Amino acid sequence: MKVALSIPDELFDSAETLGKRLGVSRSRLYATALADFVAKHQSRKVTERLNAVHAAEDSRLDRRIRRVQARSLPRDSW
């Protein structure tokens, strides 16, 4: 799909330089950058949802489990 957009000259020049350095077309560079941006924001949304789910859960260990775990560790002198 073709898209027309406006960007600052400085950003355009930087993108042109990067595209040449990487050996990719302008279309490929812009598509890759947009895909990365979208993926980053989608993963943030997933992280926010997971944080919301886990915030509602009690994450403390049962006292008995804590004691068993502590006893299973070797005694080291620090």
N, C-alpha and C. Protein backbone atom coordinates (compact mmCIF):
# COMPACT_ATOMS: atom_id res chain seq x y z
N MET A 1 0.85 -1.16 0.00
CA MET A 1 0.00 0.00 0.00
C MET A 1 0.90 1.23 0.00
N LYS A 2 0.52 2.20 -0.75
CA LYS A 2 1.29 3.44 -0.80
C LYS A 2 0.69 4.43 0.18
N VAL A 3 1.58 5.19 0.83
CA VAL A 3 1.17 6.17 1.83
C VAL A 3 1.98 7.44 1.61
N ALA A 4 1.34 8.56 1.74
CA ALA A 4 2.05 9.84 1.68
C ALA A 4 2.05 10.42 3.09
N LEU A 5 3.21 10.91 3.52
CA LEU A 5 3.30 11.49 4.85
C LEU A 5 4.32 12.61 4.84
N SER A 6 4.24 13.45 5.84
CA SER A 6 5.18 14.55 5.99
C SER A 6 6.01 14.33 7.23
N ILE A 7 7.33 14.50 7.07
CA ILE A 7 8.24 14.38 8.20
C ILE A 7 9.23 15.54 8.13
N PRO A 8 9.84 15.90 9.25
CA PRO A 8 10.83 16.98 9.24
C PRO A 8 12.01 16.64 8.32
N ASP A 9 12.57 17.66 7.69
CA ASP A 9 13.69 17.47 6.77
C ASP A 9 14.86 16.74 7.43
N GLU A 10 15.16 17.10 8.66
CA GLU A 10 16.29 16.49 9.36
C GLU A 10 16.08 14.99 9.54
N LEU A 11 14.86 14.59 9.89
CA LEU A 11 14.55 13.17 10.04
C LEU A 11 14.64 12.46 8.70
N PHE A 12 14.14 13.08 7.65
CA PHE A 12 14.21 12.50 6.31
C PHE A 12 15.67 12.28 5.91
N ASP A 13 16.51 13.30 6.13
CA ASP A 13 17.93 13.19 5.77
C ASP A 13 18.61 12.07 6.55
N SER A 14 18.30 11.96 7.84
CA SER A 14 18.88 10.89 8.67
C SER A 14 18.43 9.53 8.17
N ALA A 15 17.16 9.42 7.80
CA ALA A 15 16.64 8.15 7.30
C ALA A 15 17.30 7.78 5.97
N GLU A 16 17.49 8.75 5.12
CA GLU A 16 18.15 8.50 3.83
C GLU A 16 19.57 7.99 4.05
N THR A 17 20.29 8.63 4.96
CA THR A 17 21.65 8.22 5.26
C THR A 17 21.68 6.80 5.81
N LEU A 18 20.78 6.51 6.73
CA LEU A 18 20.72 5.17 7.32
C LEU A 18 20.37 4.13 6.27
N GLY A 19 19.38 4.41 5.44
CA GLY A 19 18.98 3.48 4.40
C GLY A 19 20.13 3.14 3.47
N LYS A 20 20.90 4.15 3.08
CA LYS A 20 22.06 3.92 2.21
C LYS A 20 23.12 3.09 2.93
N ARG A 21 23.34 3.41 4.20
CA ARG A 21 24.34 2.66 4.97
C ARG A 21 23.94 1.19 5.12
N LEU A 22 22.65 0.95 5.33
CA LEU A 22 22.16 -0.41 5.51
C LEU A 22 21.91 -1.13 4.18
N GLY A 23 21.89 -0.36 3.10
CA GLY A 23 21.64 -0.96 1.79
C GLY A 23 20.20 -1.39 1.60
N VAL A 24 19.26 -0.63 2.18
CA VAL A 24 17.84 -0.96 2.02
C VAL A 24 17.13 0.22 1.37
N SER A 25 16.04 -0.09 0.72
CA SER A 25 15.26 0.96 0.07
C SER A 25 14.58 1.82 1.12
N ARG A 26 14.16 2.99 0.69
CA ARG A 26 13.42 3.89 1.59
C ARG A 26 12.15 3.19 2.08
N SER A 27 11.45 2.53 1.18
CA SER A 27 10.21 1.83 1.57
C SER A 27 10.48 0.77 2.62
N ARG A 28 11.54 0.01 2.40
CA ARG A 28 11.89 -1.06 3.36
C ARG A 28 12.27 -0.46 4.71
N LEU A 29 13.04 0.61 4.70
CA LEU A 29 13.45 1.26 5.95
C LEU A 29 12.24 1.75 6.74
N TYR A 30 11.34 2.44 6.05
CA TYR A 30 10.17 2.99 6.73
C TYR A 30 9.24 1.88 7.21
N ALA A 31 9.06 0.85 6.41
CA ALA A 31 8.20 -0.27 6.82
C ALA A 31 8.78 -0.98 8.04
N THR A 32 10.09 -1.18 8.04
CA THR A 32 10.75 -1.84 9.17
C THR A 32 10.63 -1.00 10.44
N ALA A 33 10.86 0.31 10.29
CA ALA A 33 10.76 1.20 11.45
C ALA A 33 9.34 1.21 12.01
N LEU A 34 8.36 1.25 11.14
CA LEU A 34 6.97 1.27 11.60
C LEU A 34 6.59 -0.06 12.26
N ALA A 35 7.06 -1.17 11.69
CA ALA A 35 6.78 -2.48 12.28
C ALA A 35 7.39 -2.59 13.67
N ASP A 36 8.61 -2.10 13.83
CA ASP A 36 9.26 -2.12 15.15
C ASP A 36 8.49 -1.27 16.15
N PHE A 37 8.04 -0.11 15.71
CA PHE A 37 7.29 0.79 16.59
C PHE A 37 5.98 0.16 17.04
N VAL A 38 5.27 -0.45 16.10
CA VAL A 38 3.99 -1.11 16.43
C VAL A 38 4.23 -2.28 17.38
N ALA A 39 5.24 -3.10 17.11
CA ALA A 39 5.54 -4.25 17.98
C ALA A 39 5.88 -3.80 19.39
N LYS A 40 6.65 -2.74 19.50
CA LYS A 40 7.03 -2.21 20.82
C LYS A 40 5.80 -1.81 21.63
N HIS A 41 4.87 -1.15 20.97
CA HIS A 41 3.68 -0.70 21.68
C HIS A 41 2.71 -1.83 21.97
N GLN A 42 2.68 -2.84 21.13
CA GLN A 42 1.84 -4.00 21.41
C GLN A 42 2.37 -4.77 22.61
N SER A 43 3.68 -4.91 22.71
CA SER A 43 4.24 -5.63 23.84
C SER A 43 4.05 -4.84 25.13
N ARG A 44 4.06 -3.52 25.05
CA ARG A 44 3.77 -2.72 26.25
C ARG A 44 2.35 -2.97 26.73
N LYS A 45 1.42 -3.11 25.78
CA LYS A 45 0.03 -3.36 26.14
C LYS A 45 -0.10 -4.71 26.85
N VAL A 46 0.61 -5.72 26.33
CA VAL A 46 0.60 -7.04 26.96
C VAL A 46 1.18 -6.96 28.36
N THR A 47 2.30 -6.24 28.50
CA THR A 47 2.93 -6.09 29.81
C THR A 47 1.99 -5.39 30.79
N GLU A 48 1.30 -4.35 30.33
CA GLU A 48 0.36 -3.65 31.20
C GLU A 48 -0.76 -4.58 31.65
N ARG A 49 -1.26 -5.40 30.75
CA ARG A 49 -2.33 -6.34 31.11
C ARG A 49 -1.84 -7.38 32.11
N LEU A 50 -0.63 -7.91 31.86
CA LEU A 50 -0.08 -8.89 32.80
C LEU A 50 0.16 -8.27 34.17
N ASN A 51 0.67 -7.05 34.20
CA ASN A 51 0.87 -6.37 35.47
C ASN A 51 -0.44 -6.18 36.21
N ALA A 52 -1.50 -5.85 35.48
CA ALA A 52 -2.80 -5.65 36.11
C ALA A 52 -3.32 -6.96 36.70
N VAL A 53 -3.15 -8.06 35.98
CA VAL A 53 -3.60 -9.37 36.48
C VAL A 53 -2.83 -9.76 37.73
N HIS A 54 -1.51 -9.61 37.67
CA HIS A 54 -0.68 -10.05 38.79
C HIS A 54 -0.75 -9.11 39.98
N ALA A 55 -1.12 -7.87 39.77
CA ALA A 55 -1.25 -6.93 40.88
C ALA A 55 -2.41 -7.33 41.79
N ALA A 56 -3.39 -8.00 41.23
CA ALA A 56 -4.56 -8.41 42.01
C ALA A 56 -4.30 -9.69 42.80
N GLU A 57 -3.21 -10.37 42.52
CA GLU A 57 -2.89 -11.63 43.19
C GLU A 57 -1.92 -11.40 44.35
N ASP A 58 -2.11 -12.15 45.40
CA ASP A 58 -1.19 -12.11 46.54
C ASP A 58 0.05 -12.91 46.16
N SER A 59 1.20 -12.28 46.18
CA SER A 59 2.43 -12.96 45.76
C SER A 59 3.26 -13.47 46.93
N ARG A 60 2.76 -13.30 48.14
CA ARG A 60 3.52 -13.78 49.30
C ARG A 60 3.47 -15.31 49.37
N LEU A 61 4.59 -15.89 49.78
CA LEU A 61 4.64 -17.34 49.96
C LEU A 61 4.02 -17.72 51.30
N ASP A 62 3.41 -18.86 51.33
CA ASP A 62 2.90 -19.40 52.57
C ASP A 62 4.06 -19.55 53.55
N ARG A 63 3.83 -19.28 54.81
CA ARG A 63 4.87 -19.33 55.84
C ARG A 63 5.55 -20.70 55.89
N ARG A 64 4.78 -21.77 55.76
CA ARG A 64 5.35 -23.12 55.82
C ARG A 64 6.28 -23.37 54.63
N ILE A 65 5.90 -22.91 53.47
CA ILE A 65 6.75 -23.09 52.28
C ILE A 65 8.04 -22.30 52.44
N ARG A 66 7.94 -21.10 52.99
CA ARG A 66 9.14 -20.30 53.23
C ARG A 66 10.11 -21.03 54.15
N ARG A 67 9.57 -21.62 55.21
CA ARG A 67 10.43 -22.34 56.16
C ARG A 67 11.10 -23.54 55.51
N VAL A 68 10.35 -24.31 54.72
CA VAL A 68 10.91 -25.47 54.04
C VAL A 68 11.99 -25.04 53.06
N GLN A 69 11.74 -23.97 52.34
CA GLN A 69 12.75 -23.48 51.40
C GLN A 69 14.01 -23.03 52.14
N ALA A 70 13.84 -22.33 53.23
CA ALA A 70 14.99 -21.85 53.99
C ALA A 70 15.81 -23.02 54.52
N ARG A 71 15.14 -24.09 54.97
CA ARG A 71 15.85 -25.25 55.50
C ARG A 71 16.57 -26.02 54.39
N SER A 72 16.10 -25.90 53.16
CA SER A 72 16.71 -26.66 52.06
C SER A 72 18.00 -26.01 51.56
N LEU A 73 18.24 -24.76 51.94
CA LEU A 73 19.46 -24.08 51.51
C LEU A 73 20.65 -24.51 52.37
N PRO A 74 21.81 -24.67 51.75
CA PRO A 74 22.99 -25.04 52.54
C PRO A 74 23.41 -23.87 53.43
N ARG A 75 24.01 -24.21 54.55
CA ARG A 75 24.49 -23.18 55.47
C ARG A 75 25.87 -22.71 55.00
N ASP A 76 25.96 -21.49 54.56
CA ASP A 76 27.22 -20.92 54.11
C ASP A 76 27.58 -19.77 55.01
N SER A 77 28.87 -19.63 55.25
CA SER A 77 29.32 -18.48 56.00
C SER A 77 29.74 -17.41 54.99
N TRP A 78 29.23 -16.24 55.16
CA TRP A 78 29.51 -15.17 54.23
C TRP A 78 30.62 -14.39 54.79
